[in-house]
C-alpha atoms as a PDB file:
ATOM      1  CA  MET A   1    -130.428   2.139 -20.966  1.00  0.00           C
ATOM      2  CA  LEU A   2    -133.513   0.176 -22.058  1.00  0.00           C
ATOM      3  CA  ASP A   3    -131.600  -3.110 -21.958  1.00  0.00           C
ATOM      4  CA  GLY A   4    -130.512  -2.545 -18.359  1.00  0.00           C
ATOM      5  CA  MET A   5    -133.950  -1.457 -17.140  1.00  0.00           C
ATOM      6  CA  ALA A   6    -135.775  -4.179 -19.033  1.00  0.00           C
ATOM      7  CA  GLY A   7    -133.335  -6.693 -17.581  1.00  0.00           C
ATOM      8  CA  GLY A   8    -134.219  -5.470 -14.084  1.00  0.00           C
ATOM      9  CA  ALA A   9    -137.915  -5.887 -14.810  1.00  0.00           C
ATOM     10  CA  VAL A  10    -137.398  -9.435 -16.037  1.00  0.00           C
ATOM     11  CA  GLU A  11    -135.347 -10.301 -12.978  1.00  0.00           C
ATOM     12  CA  ALA A  12    -138.121  -8.969 -10.693  1.00  0.00           C
ATOM     13  CA  GLY A  13    -140.656 -11.363 -12.156  1.00  0.00           C
ATOM     14  CA  THR A  14    -138.655 -14.533 -12.888  1.00  0.00           C
ATOM     15  CA  GLU A  15    -140.070 -16.431  -9.902  1.00  0.00           C
ATOM     16  CA  SER A  16    -143.564 -16.355 -11.396  1.00  0.00           C
ATOM     17  CA  LEU A  17    -142.653 -17.301 -14.976  1.00  0.00           C
ATOM     18  CA  THR A  18    -144.126 -20.630 -16.083  1.00  0.00           C
ATOM     19  CA  ASP A  19    -142.401 -20.878 -19.463  1.00  0.00           C
ATOM     20  CA  GLN A  20    -139.779 -18.688 -21.188  1.00  0.00           C
ATOM     21  CA  LEU A  21    -138.897 -15.213 -22.419  1.00  0.00           C
ATOM     22  CA  THR A  22    -138.436 -14.529 -26.124  1.00  0.00           C
ATOM     23  CA  THR A  23    -136.136 -11.667 -27.186  1.00  0.00           C
ATOM     24  CA  ARG A  24    -136.177 -10.009 -30.614  1.00  0.00           C
ATOM     25  CA  GLY A  25    -133.755  -7.114 -30.894  1.00  0.00           C
ATOM     26  CA  ASP A  26    -134.891  -4.439 -28.466  1.00  0.00           C
ATOM     27  CA  VAL A  27    -138.408  -5.927 -28.059  1.00  0.00           C
ATOM     28  CA  MET A  28    -139.081  -8.504 -25.319  1.00  0.00           C
ATOM     29  CA  MET A  29    -142.181 -10.708 -25.481  1.00  0.00           C
ATOM     30  CA  PHE A  30    -143.391 -13.123 -22.823  1.00  0.00           C
ATOM     31  CA  THR A  31    -144.639 -16.391 -24.302  1.00  0.00           C
ATOM     32  CA  THR A  32    -146.181 -17.596 -21.058  1.00  0.00           C
ATOM     33  CA  THR A  33    -148.350 -16.382 -18.190  1.00  0.00           C
ATOM     34  CA  VAL A  34    -147.186 -14.664 -15.048  1.00  0.00           C
ATOM     35  CA  SER A  35    -148.932 -13.994 -11.807  1.00  0.00           C
ATOM     36  CA  GLY A  36    -150.982 -10.811 -11.623  1.00  0.00           C
ATOM     37  CA  ARG A  37    -148.680  -9.322  -9.005  1.00  0.00           C
ATOM     38  CA  SER A  38    -145.496  -9.981 -11.014  1.00  0.00           C
ATOM     39  CA  ALA A  39    -147.076  -8.690 -14.225  1.00  0.00           C
ATOM     40  CA  SER A  40    -148.124  -5.510 -12.451  1.00  0.00           C
ATOM     41  CA  ALA A  41    -144.592  -4.985 -11.093  1.00  0.00           C
ATOM     42  CA  MET A  42    -143.067  -5.486 -14.496  1.00  0.00           C
ATOM     43  CA  TRP A  43    -145.592  -3.171 -16.139  1.00  0.00           C
ATOM     44  CA  THR A  44    -144.710  -0.452 -13.617  1.00  0.00           C
ATOM     45  CA  ALA A  45    -140.985  -0.942 -14.241  1.00  0.00           C
ATOM     46  CA  SER A  46    -141.528  -0.804 -18.001  1.00  0.00           C
ATOM     47  CA  ARG A  47    -143.485   2.452 -17.689  1.00  0.00           C
ATOM     48  CA  LEU A  48    -140.696   3.965 -15.605  1.00  0.00           C
ATOM     49  CA  ALA A  49    -138.091   2.876 -18.158  1.00  0.00           C
ATOM     50  CA  LEU A  50    -140.050   4.338 -21.064  1.00  0.00           C
ATOM     51  CA  SER A  51    -140.715   7.551 -19.152  1.00  0.00           C
ATOM     52  CA  GLY A  52    -137.000   7.921 -18.490  1.00  0.00           C
ATOM     53  CA  LEU A  53    -136.242   7.419 -22.173  1.00  0.00           C
ATOM     54  CA  VAL A  54    -138.816  10.032 -23.215  1.00  0.00           C
ATOM     55  CA  PHE A  55    -137.400  12.606 -20.797  1.00  0.00           C
ATOM     56  CA  ALA A  56    -133.868  11.859 -22.025  1.00  0.00           C
ATOM     57  CA  LEU A  57    -134.898  12.365 -25.644  1.00  0.00           C
ATOM     58  CA  LEU A  58    -136.750  15.562 -24.814  1.00  0.00           C
ATOM     59  CA  GLY A  59    -133.658  16.819 -23.003  1.00  0.00           C
ATOM     60  CA  ALA A  60    -131.480  16.090 -26.020  1.00  0.00           C
ATOM     61  CA  CYS A  61    -133.856  18.057 -28.220  1.00  0.00           C
ATOM     62  CA  SER A  62    -134.268  20.959 -25.826  1.00  0.00           C
ATOM     63  CA  PRO A  63    -133.444  24.507 -26.954  1.00  0.00           C
ATOM     64  CA  ASP A  64    -130.478  24.607 -24.563  1.00  0.00           C
ATOM     65  CA  SER A  65    -129.025  21.421 -26.077  1.00  0.00           C
ATOM     66  CA  GLN A  66    -129.506  22.703 -29.621  1.00  0.00           C
ATOM     67  CA  ALA A  67    -127.909  26.017 -28.712  1.00  0.00           C
ATOM     68  CA  THR A  68    -124.881  24.203 -27.293  1.00  0.00           C
ATOM     69  CA  ASP A  69    -124.532  22.093 -30.449  1.00  0.00           C
ATOM     70  CA  SER A  70    -124.742  25.181 -32.639  1.00  0.00           C
ATOM     71  CA  ASP A  71    -122.178  27.001 -30.488  1.00  0.00           C
ATOM     72  CA  ASN A  72    -119.739  24.065 -30.627  1.00  0.00           C
ATOM     73  CA  ARG A  73    -120.136  23.808 -34.391  1.00  0.00           C
ATOM     74  CA  ALA A  74    -119.380  27.509 -34.824  1.00  0.00           C
ATOM     75  CA  LYS A  75    -116.280  27.254 -32.623  1.00  0.00           C
ATOM     76  CA  ALA A  76    -115.121  24.146 -34.486  1.00  0.00           C
ATOM     77  CA  LEU A  77    -115.532  25.828 -37.860  1.00  0.00           C
ATOM     78  CA  ALA A  78    -113.642  28.949 -36.742  1.00  0.00           C
ATOM     79  CA  LEU A  79    -110.757  26.919 -35.280  1.00  0.00           C
ATOM     80  CA  TRP A  80    -110.524  24.724 -38.374  1.00  0.00           C
ATOM     81  CA  GLN A  81    -110.523  27.759 -40.691  1.00  0.00           C
ATOM     82  CA  SER A  82    -107.668  29.283 -38.684  1.00  0.00           C
ATOM     83  CA  HIS A  83    -105.676  26.050 -39.079  1.00  0.00           C
ATOM     84  CA  CYS A  84    -106.360  26.024 -42.817  1.00  0.00           C
ATOM     85  CA  LYS A  85    -104.390  29.252 -43.176  1.00  0.00           C
ATOM     86  CA  LYS A  86    -101.204  27.309 -42.429  1.00  0.00           C
ATOM     87  CA  SER A  87    -102.113  24.093 -44.242  1.00  0.00           C
ATOM     88  CA  GLY A  88    -100.857  23.038 -47.660  1.00  0.00           C
ATOM     89  CA  GLU A  89     -98.011  21.306 -49.482  1.00  0.00           C
ATOM     90  CA  PHE A  90     -94.532  22.681 -48.837  1.00  0.00           C
ATOM     91  CA  ILE A  91     -91.886  21.228 -51.141  1.00  0.00           C
ATOM     92  CA  LYS A  92     -88.303  22.447 -50.700  1.00  0.00           C
ATOM     93  CA  LYS A  93     -86.799  20.280 -53.416  1.00  0.00           C
ATOM     94  CA  THR A  94     -87.683  17.470 -55.792  1.00  0.00           C
ATOM     95  CA  ILE A  95     -85.511  14.420 -56.481  1.00  0.00           C
ATOM     96  CA  PRO A  96     -85.428  12.727 -59.918  1.00  0.00           C
ATOM     97  CA  ASP A  97     -84.895   9.042 -60.746  1.00  0.00           C
ATOM     98  CA  VAL A  98     -85.800   7.484 -57.403  1.00  0.00           C
ATOM     99  CA  ASP A  99     -85.940   3.666 -57.420  1.00  0.00           C
ATOM    100  CA  GLY A 100     -87.275   3.057 -53.931  1.00  0.00           C
ATOM    101  CA  VAL A 101     -88.240   4.579 -50.586  1.00  0.00           C
ATOM    102  CA  LEU A 102     -88.248   3.649 -46.904  1.00  0.00           C
ATOM    103  CA  LEU A 103     -91.670   3.658 -45.272  1.00  0.00           C
ATOM    104  CA  MET A 104     -90.866   4.678 -41.711  1.00  0.00           C
ATOM    105  CA  LYS A 105     -94.401   3.934 -40.437  1.00  0.00           C
ATOM    106  CA  ILE A 106     -97.152   1.590 -41.599  1.00  0.00           C
ATOM    107  CA  ARG A 107    -100.788   2.389 -40.997  1.00  0.00           C
ATOM    108  CA  LYS A 108    -102.541  -0.449 -39.167  1.00  0.00           C
ATOM    109  CA  THR A 109    -106.027   0.671 -38.186  1.00  0.00           C
ATOM    110  CA  THR A 110    -108.942   2.763 -39.388  1.00  0.00           C
ATOM    111  CA  ASN A 111    -110.226   5.279 -36.860  1.00  0.00           C
ATOM    112  CA  ARG A 112    -113.864   6.011 -37.601  1.00  0.00           C
ATOM    113  CA  ASP A 113    -115.023   7.649 -34.385  1.00  0.00           C
ATOM    114  CA  GLY A 114    -112.229   7.737 -31.772  1.00  0.00           C
ATOM    115  CA  GLN A 115    -112.309  11.383 -30.772  1.00  0.00           C
ATOM    116  CA  TYR A 116    -109.001  11.494 -28.877  1.00  0.00           C
ATOM    117  CA  GLU A 117    -107.050   8.744 -30.673  1.00  0.00           C
ATOM    118  CA  LEU A 118    -104.008  10.491 -32.151  1.00  0.00           C
ATOM    119  CA  ASP A 119    -103.590   8.169 -35.133  1.00  0.00           C
ATOM    120  CA  ASP A 120    -103.806  10.724 -37.950  1.00  0.00           C
ATOM    121  CA  PRO A 121    -107.351  10.303 -39.338  1.00  0.00           C
ATOM    122  CA  TYR A 122    -106.668  13.007 -41.935  1.00  0.00           C
ATOM    123  CA  GLY A 123    -103.683  11.152 -43.396  1.00  0.00           C
ATOM    124  CA  HIS A 124    -105.340   7.751 -43.401  1.00  0.00           C
ATOM    125  CA  ASP A 125    -105.604   6.047 -46.769  1.00  0.00           C
ATOM    126  CA  SER A 126    -104.945   2.290 -46.503  1.00  0.00           C
ATOM    127  CA  MET A 127    -103.421  -0.189 -44.073  1.00  0.00           C
ATOM    128  CA  GLY A 128    -100.790  -2.912 -43.838  1.00  0.00           C
ATOM    129  CA  ASP A 129     -99.820  -4.591 -47.100  1.00  0.00           C
ATOM    130  CA  HIS A 130    -102.206  -2.389 -49.086  1.00  0.00           C
ATOM    131  CA  TYR A 131    -100.371   0.698 -47.833  1.00  0.00           C
ATOM    132  CA  ILE A 132     -97.093  -0.847 -48.997  1.00  0.00           C
ATOM    133  CA  MET A 133     -98.530  -1.898 -52.354  1.00  0.00           C
ATOM    134  CA  SER A 134     -99.857   1.594 -53.012  1.00  0.00           C
ATOM    135  CA  PHE A 135     -96.221   2.737 -53.418  1.00  0.00           C
ATOM    136  CA  LEU A 136     -95.196  -0.013 -55.835  1.00  0.00           C
ATOM    137  CA  ARG A 137     -95.059   0.261 -59.603  1.00  0.00           C
ATOM    138  CA  GLY A 138     -97.981  -1.290 -61.419  1.00  0.00           C
ATOM    139  CA  TYR A 139    -100.345  -1.445 -58.455  1.00  0.00           C
ATOM    140  CA  HIS A 140    -102.492   1.476 -59.625  1.00  0.00           C
ATOM    141  CA  HIS A 141    -102.592   0.358 -63.269  1.00  0.00           C
ATOM    142  CA  GLN A 142    -103.285  -3.370 -62.965  1.00  0.00           C
ATOM    143  CA  LYS A 143    -105.985  -3.416 -65.628  1.00  0.00           C
ATOM    144  CA  GLY A 144    -103.798  -1.716 -68.192  1.00  0.00           C
ATOM    145  CA  GLY A 145    -106.333   1.063 -68.601  1.00  0.00           C
ATOM    146  CA  VAL A 146    -105.653   4.758 -68.927  1.00  0.00           C
ATOM    147  CA  SER A 147    -106.421   7.006 -65.957  1.00  0.00           C
ATOM    148  CA  PRO A 148    -108.826   9.886 -66.586  1.00  0.00           C
ATOM    149  CA  GLU A 149    -107.132  13.031 -67.837  1.00  0.00           C
ATOM    150  CA  GLY A 150    -105.926  15.161 -64.958  1.00  0.00           C
ATOM    151  CA  SER A 151    -105.543  12.269 -62.512  1.00  0.00           C
ATOM    152  CA  PRO A 152    -102.317  11.925 -60.478  1.00  0.00           C
ATOM    153  CA  PRO A 153     -99.742   9.777 -62.332  1.00  0.00           C
ATOM    154  CA  ARG A 154     -99.315   7.177 -59.555  1.00  0.00           C
ATOM    155  CA  ILE A 155     -96.415   5.469 -61.332  1.00  0.00           C
ATOM    156  CA  GLY A 156     -94.951   3.891 -58.221  1.00  0.00           C
ATOM    157  CA  TYR A 157     -91.468   2.762 -57.219  1.00  0.00           C
ATOM    158  CA  LYS A 158     -89.495  -0.370 -58.032  1.00  0.00           C
ATOM    159  CA  TYR A 159     -89.249  -1.338 -54.369  1.00  0.00           C
ATOM    160  CA  VAL A 160     -90.204  -0.262 -50.866  1.00  0.00           C
ATOM    161  CA  ASP A 161     -88.221  -0.956 -47.670  1.00  0.00           C
ATOM    162  CA  VAL A 162     -90.012  -1.450 -44.348  1.00  0.00           C
ATOM    163  CA  ALA A 163     -88.655  -2.209 -40.863  1.00  0.00           C
ATOM    164  CA  ASP A 164     -90.512  -5.165 -39.349  1.00  0.00           C
ATOM    165  CA  GLU A 165     -91.711  -4.432 -35.806  1.00  0.00           C
ATOM    166  CA  ALA A 166     -91.516  -8.098 -34.813  1.00  0.00           C
ATOM    167  CA  ASP A 167     -87.830  -8.806 -35.533  1.00  0.00           C
ATOM    168  CA  HIS A 168     -86.641  -5.212 -36.152  1.00  0.00           C
ATOM    169  CA  LYS A 169     -85.135  -6.209 -39.497  1.00  0.00           C
ATOM    170  CA  VAL A 170     -85.569  -4.256 -42.713  1.00  0.00           C
ATOM    171  CA  TYR A 171     -87.352  -6.038 -45.548  1.00  0.00           C
ATOM    172  CA  ARG A 172     -87.611  -5.106 -49.199  1.00  0.00           C
ATOM    173  CA  TYR A 173     -90.987  -5.351 -50.914  1.00  0.00           C
ATOM    174  CA  THR A 174     -91.527  -5.682 -54.648  1.00  0.00           C
ATOM    175  CA  GLY A 175     -94.632  -6.657 -56.518  1.00  0.00           C
ATOM    176  CA  GLY A 176     -96.383  -7.281 -59.767  1.00  0.00           C
ATOM    177  CA  VAL A 177     -99.450  -8.753 -61.397  1.00  0.00           C
ATOM    178  CA  GLU A 178     -99.337 -12.557 -61.440  1.00  0.00           C
ATOM    179  CA  ALA A 179    -101.660 -15.474 -62.154  1.00  0.00           C
ATOM    180  CA  VAL A 180    -102.944 -16.768 -58.821  1.00  0.00           C
ATOM    181  CA  GLY A 181    -105.589 -19.265 -59.923  1.00  0.00           C
ATOM    182  CA  LYS A 182    -107.983 -20.473 -62.604  1.00  0.00           C
ATOM    183  CA  MET A 183    -111.547 -19.472 -63.448  1.00  0.00           C
ATOM    184  CA  ASN A 184    -114.352 -22.007 -63.156  1.00  0.00           C
ATOM    185  CA  THR A 185    -114.710 -23.188 -66.758  1.00  0.00           C
ATOM    186  CA  LYS A 186    -118.204 -24.474 -65.971  1.00  0.00           C
ATOM    187  CA  ALA A 187    -119.446 -20.998 -65.126  1.00  0.00           C
ATOM    188  CA  PRO A 188    -121.842 -19.712 -67.849  1.00  0.00           C
ATOM    189  CA  ALA A 189    -119.934 -16.455 -68.376  1.00  0.00           C
ATOM    190  CA  VAL A 190    -116.624 -18.292 -68.820  1.00  0.00           C
ATOM    191  CA  GLN A 191    -118.194 -20.849 -71.184  1.00  0.00           C
ATOM    192  CA  PHE A 192    -119.604 -17.996 -73.240  1.00  0.00           C
ATOM    193  CA  GLU A 193    -116.135 -16.425 -73.585  1.00  0.00           C
ATOM    194  CA  LEU A 194    -114.560 -19.773 -74.508  1.00  0.00           C
ATOM    195  CA  LYS A 195    -117.110 -20.285 -77.262  1.00  0.00           C
ATOM    196  CA  LEU A 196    -116.206 -16.897 -78.694  1.00  0.00           C
ATOM    197  CA  ASN A 197    -112.480 -17.512 -78.254  1.00  0.00           C
ATOM    198  CA  PRO A 198    -111.121 -20.997 -77.513  1.00  0.00           C
ATOM    199  CA  ASN A 199    -107.844 -19.349 -76.418  1.00  0.00           C
ATOM    200  CA  TYR A 200    -109.584 -17.166 -73.838  1.00  0.00           C
ATOM    201  CA  ASP A 201    -107.268 -16.669 -70.837  1.00  0.00           C
ATOM    202  CA  THR A 202    -108.874 -18.368 -67.836  1.00  0.00           C
ATOM    203  CA  ASN A 203    -106.169 -17.293 -65.392  1.00  0.00           C
ATOM    204  CA  ILE A 204    -107.103 -15.139 -62.386  1.00  0.00           C
ATOM    205  CA  TYR A 205    -104.666 -12.262 -61.897  1.00  0.00           C
ATOM    206  CA  GLU A 206    -103.819 -10.271 -58.787  1.00  0.00           C
ATOM    207  CA  PHE A 207    -101.108  -7.878 -57.677  1.00  0.00           C
ATOM    208  CA  VAL A 208     -98.782 -10.044 -55.592  1.00  0.00           C
ATOM    209  CA  LEU A 209     -96.415  -8.700 -52.937  1.00  0.00           C
ATOM    210  CA  HIS A 210     -92.947 -10.235 -52.474  1.00  0.00           C
ATOM    211  CA  LYS A 211     -90.967  -9.759 -49.259  1.00  0.00           C
ATOM    212  CA  THR A 212     -87.235 -10.457 -48.916  1.00  0.00           C
ATOM    213  CA  PRO A 213     -84.519  -9.264 -46.506  1.00  0.00           C
ATOM    214  CA  ALA A 214     -83.273  -5.871 -47.702  1.00  0.00           C
ATOM    215  CA  SER A 215     -79.935  -6.025 -49.473  1.00  0.00           C
ATOM    216  CA  GLY A 216     -77.763  -3.647 -51.424  1.00  0.00           C
ATOM    217  CA  GLU A 217     -77.901   0.105 -51.041  1.00  0.00           C
ATOM    218  CA  ALA A 218     -80.549   1.388 -48.657  1.00  0.00           C
ATOM    219  CA  PRO A 219     -82.994   4.074 -49.870  1.00  0.00           C
ATOM    220  CA  ARG A 220     -81.815   7.596 -49.212  1.00  0.00           C
ATOM    221  CA  TYR A 221     -85.333   8.959 -48.740  1.00  0.00           C
ATOM    222  CA  GLY A 222     -88.019   8.039 -46.235  1.00  0.00           C
ATOM    223  CA  VAL A 223     -91.697   8.777 -45.676  1.00  0.00           C
ATOM    224  CA  THR A 224     -93.303   9.340 -42.281  1.00  0.00           C
ATOM    225  CA  TYR A 225     -96.336  10.999 -40.736  1.00  0.00           C
ATOM    226  CA  ASP A 226     -97.637  12.274 -37.396  1.00  0.00           C
ATOM    227  CA  ASP A 227    -100.891  13.414 -35.879  1.00  0.00           C
ATOM    228  CA  ILE A 228    -100.463  17.077 -34.915  1.00  0.00           C
ATOM    229  CA  SER A 229    -103.881  17.580 -33.305  1.00  0.00           C
ATOM    230  CA  THR A 230    -104.024  19.372 -29.957  1.00  0.00           C
ATOM    231  CA  PRO A 231    -106.464  18.496 -27.154  1.00  0.00           C
ATOM    232  CA  GLU A 232    -108.389  21.645 -28.084  1.00  0.00           C
ATOM    233  CA  ASP A 233    -108.609  20.444 -31.695  1.00  0.00           C
ATOM    234  CA  ARG A 234    -110.000  17.072 -30.694  1.00  0.00           C
ATOM    235  CA  LYS A 235    -112.488  18.682 -28.304  1.00  0.00           C
ATOM    236  CA  TYR A 236    -114.073  20.148 -31.442  1.00  0.00           C
ATOM    237  CA  TRP A 237    -113.488  17.078 -33.636  1.00  0.00           C
ATOM    238  CA  ILE A 238    -110.588  18.501 -35.630  1.00  0.00           C
ATOM    239  CA  ALA A 239    -107.763  16.248 -36.836  1.00  0.00           C
ATOM    240  CA  GLY A 240    -104.380  17.636 -37.900  1.00  0.00           C
ATOM    241  CA  SER A 241    -101.764  15.803 -39.950  1.00  0.00           C
ATOM    242  CA  SER A 242     -98.099  16.166 -40.914  1.00  0.00           C
ATOM    243  CA  LEU A 243     -96.826  14.044 -43.815  1.00  0.00           C
ATOM    244  CA  ARG A 244     -93.076  14.372 -44.385  1.00  0.00           C
ATOM    245  CA  VAL A 245     -90.483  13.243 -46.906  1.00  0.00           C
ATOM    246  CA  MET A 246     -87.070  12.890 -45.268  1.00  0.00           C
ATOM    247  CA  ASP A 247     -83.518  12.891 -46.598  1.00  0.00           C
ATOM    248  CA  LEU A 248     -82.203  10.064 -44.431  1.00  0.00           C
ATOM    249  CA  LYS A 249     -78.587  11.007 -45.103  1.00  0.00           C
ATOM    250  CA  THR A 250     -78.887  14.591 -43.858  1.00  0.00           C
ATOM    251  CA  ASN A 251     -82.007  14.107 -41.667  1.00  0.00           C
ATOM    252  CA  GLU A 252     -83.574  17.031 -43.530  1.00  0.00           C
ATOM    253  CA  VAL A 253     -87.287  17.401 -44.195  1.00  0.00           C
ATOM    254  CA  ILE A 254     -87.395  18.106 -47.910  1.00  0.00           C
ATOM    255  CA  ALA A 255     -91.189  18.260 -48.191  1.00  0.00           C
ATOM    256  CA  GLU A 256     -94.171  18.397 -45.889  1.00  0.00           C
ATOM    257  CA  ARG A 257     -97.913  18.421 -46.268  1.00  0.00           C
ATOM    258  CA  ILE A 258     -99.938  19.914 -43.421  1.00  0.00           C
ATOM    259  CA  GLY A 259    -103.634  19.068 -43.425  1.00  0.00           C
ATOM    260  CA  TYR A 260    -106.683  19.510 -41.200  1.00  0.00           C
ATOM    261  CA  MET A 261    -110.253  18.272 -41.305  1.00  0.00           C
ATOM    262  CA  VAL A 262    -113.283  18.808 -39.074  1.00  0.00           C
ATOM    263  CA  ASP A 263    -116.478  16.901 -38.369  1.00  0.00           C
ATOM    264  CA  LEU A 264    -119.198  19.537 -38.317  1.00  0.00           C
ATOM    265  CA  GLY A 265    -121.523  16.934 -36.827  1.00  0.00           C
ATOM    266  CA  GLN A 266    -119.312  17.135 -33.723  1.00  0.00           C
ATOM    267  CA  GLY A 267    -119.088  13.390 -33.201  1.00  0.00           C
ATOM    268  CA  ASN A 268    -122.729  12.592 -33.812  1.00  0.00           C
ATOM    269  CA  ARG A 269    -122.974   8.810 -34.303  1.00  0.00           C
ATOM    270  CA  SER A 270    -126.723   8.529 -34.917  1.00  0.00           C
ATOM    271  CA  GLY A 271    -127.744   6.199 -37.718  1.00  0.00           C
ATOM    272  CA  GLY A 272    -124.320   4.558 -37.761  1.00  0.00           C
ATOM    273  CA  ARG A 273    -122.593   7.823 -38.618  1.00  0.00           C
ATOM    274  CA  ALA A 274    -118.750   7.661 -38.652  1.00  0.00           C
ATOM    275  CA  PRO A 275    -117.446  11.144 -37.666  1.00  0.00           C
ATOM    276  CA  TRP A 276    -113.899  10.905 -39.064  1.00  0.00           C
ATOM    277  CA  LEU A 277    -115.045   9.472 -42.386  1.00  0.00           C
ATOM    278  CA  LEU A 278    -117.487  12.339 -42.859  1.00  0.00           C
ATOM    279  CA  ALA A 279    -114.909  14.882 -41.680  1.00  0.00           C
ATOM    280  CA  ALA A 280    -113.144  14.265 -44.998  1.00  0.00           C
ATOM    281  CA  ASP A 281    -115.832  16.437 -46.612  1.00  0.00           C
ATOM    282  CA  ASN A 282    -114.357  19.429 -44.741  1.00  0.00           C
ATOM    283  CA  ALA A 283    -110.615  19.153 -45.301  1.00  0.00           C
ATOM    284  CA  CYS A 284    -107.774  21.477 -46.196  1.00  0.00           C
ATOM    285  CA  PRO A 285    -106.108  20.702 -48.501  1.00  0.00           C
ATOM    286  CA  ASP A 286    -109.142  19.180 -50.186  1.00  0.00           C
ATOM    287  CA  PHE A 287    -108.719  15.481 -50.934  1.00  0.00           C
ATOM    288  CA  PHE A 288    -109.672  15.990 -54.572  1.00  0.00           C
ATOM    289  CA  ALA A 289    -107.198  18.851 -55.052  1.00  0.00           C
ATOM    290  CA  ASN A 290    -104.786  16.531 -56.909  1.00  0.00           C
ATOM    291  CA  TYR A 291    -107.390  15.692 -59.556  1.00  0.00           C
ATOM    292  CA  LYS A 292    -107.318  18.332 -62.253  1.00  0.00           C
ATOM    293  CA  SER A 293    -110.241  16.926 -64.196  1.00  0.00           C
ATOM    294  CA  PRO A 294    -113.784  17.238 -62.838  1.00  0.00           C
ATOM    295  CA  VAL A 295    -114.538  14.650 -60.187  1.00  0.00           C
ATOM    296  CA  ALA A 296    -117.955  13.006 -59.987  1.00  0.00           C
ATOM    297  CA  ARG A 297    -120.006  13.833 -56.926  1.00  0.00           C
ATOM    298  CA  MET A 298    -118.843  11.376 -54.289  1.00  0.00           C
ATOM    299  CA  PRO A 299    -117.769  11.461 -50.629  1.00  0.00           C
ATOM    300  CA  LYS A 300    -114.419  13.148 -50.167  1.00  0.00           C
ATOM    301  CA  VAL A 301    -113.228  10.126 -48.169  1.00  0.00           C
ATOM    302  CA  VAL A 302    -112.813   8.422 -51.551  1.00  0.00           C
ATOM    303  CA  GLY A 303    -110.116  10.971 -52.371  1.00  0.00           C
ATOM    304  CA  GLN A 304    -108.125   9.911 -49.319  1.00  0.00           C
ATOM    305  CA  ALA A 305    -107.121   6.672 -51.060  1.00  0.00           C
ATOM    306  CA  SER A 306    -103.376   6.629 -51.891  1.00  0.00           C
ATOM    307  CA  GLN A 307    -103.065  10.285 -50.863  1.00  0.00           C
ATOM    308  CA  THR A 308     -99.700   9.596 -49.213  1.00  0.00           C
ATOM    309  CA  MET A 309     -98.156   8.123 -52.332  1.00  0.00           C
ATOM    310  CA  ILE A 310     -99.627  10.870 -54.516  1.00  0.00           C
ATOM    311  CA  PHE A 311     -97.878  13.556 -52.468  1.00  0.00           C
ATOM    312  CA  VAL A 312     -94.591  11.637 -52.176  1.00  0.00           C
ATOM    313  CA  GLU A 313     -94.476  11.122 -55.944  1.00  0.00           C
ATOM    314  CA  LYS A 314     -94.534  14.898 -56.425  1.00  0.00           C
ATOM    315  CA  VAL A 315     -91.303  15.069 -54.418  1.00  0.00           C
ATOM    316  CA  LEU A 316     -89.494  11.820 -55.220  1.00  0.00           C
ATOM    317  CA  LYS A 317     -89.916  11.333 -58.969  1.00  0.00           C
ATOM    318  CA  PRO A 318     -89.976   7.581 -59.796  1.00  0.00           C
ATOM    319  CA  SER A 319     -87.225   6.320 -62.071  1.00  0.00           C
ATOM    320  CA  LYS A 320     -88.107   5.050 -65.536  1.00  0.00           C
END
């Protein structure tokens, strides 16, 4: 609002400017002189703009506005709690010795504040190739370390099949940790390691994804998801999610996780706030429910990472 009004004030006085206008963020400074009449007009316009801003802020902080916010928050909480009664993980059967799965959808975007975008903010964990890699063996244990006791196993599968939207062909993805480059041997830290151990490995390692046309037997089981929010849910910043494991031979849903989360800030974006990221703090099931050991105090959005694979692995047990 200030930009538009300030712009109007500048336009009103441009005929009398003898030099230039300097802009720094939201503050405009004249570095020249203007005629008394133009300066007076601009000063009046600026006062009107500031007065409008003050009244707008006072309106936002008025008792009526605060009462409305409180009422919406109470309605949102009640609706979310009613949804939570039917949320949870529902597993009809588990399947042992599964080599690979078909990912029927790939997440492509992160929705931080789109109130009515039905792209499953609850189920979001990662996108594109990272979503694919999260299902592959070795991706979660690249460093060779041991996960904290009580953490999900996250073993991963030998391969993942994905239908390419561009050519509609099915491709098979595999992956592993490979050397992708060399360290700078002139860097002080690397030189220090080489002095301690002349055979120090200077390779740089990353988890590398390999894509080839799918061949052989197709996976029997697939993974898909949907946003199940209603317009009423989104009115109160509630996101609902259905994550399903399918038997592709019988078209049967053999497991489903139903989840809901709510932004109790009701879409407030002040200070760069991202409503859907903070909604993860009010989720059912809780995003840290799969961690049996105590979890350090951190935003619940951290627990969303690889949540899809963690649930699927409970149903489709990876082969040895």
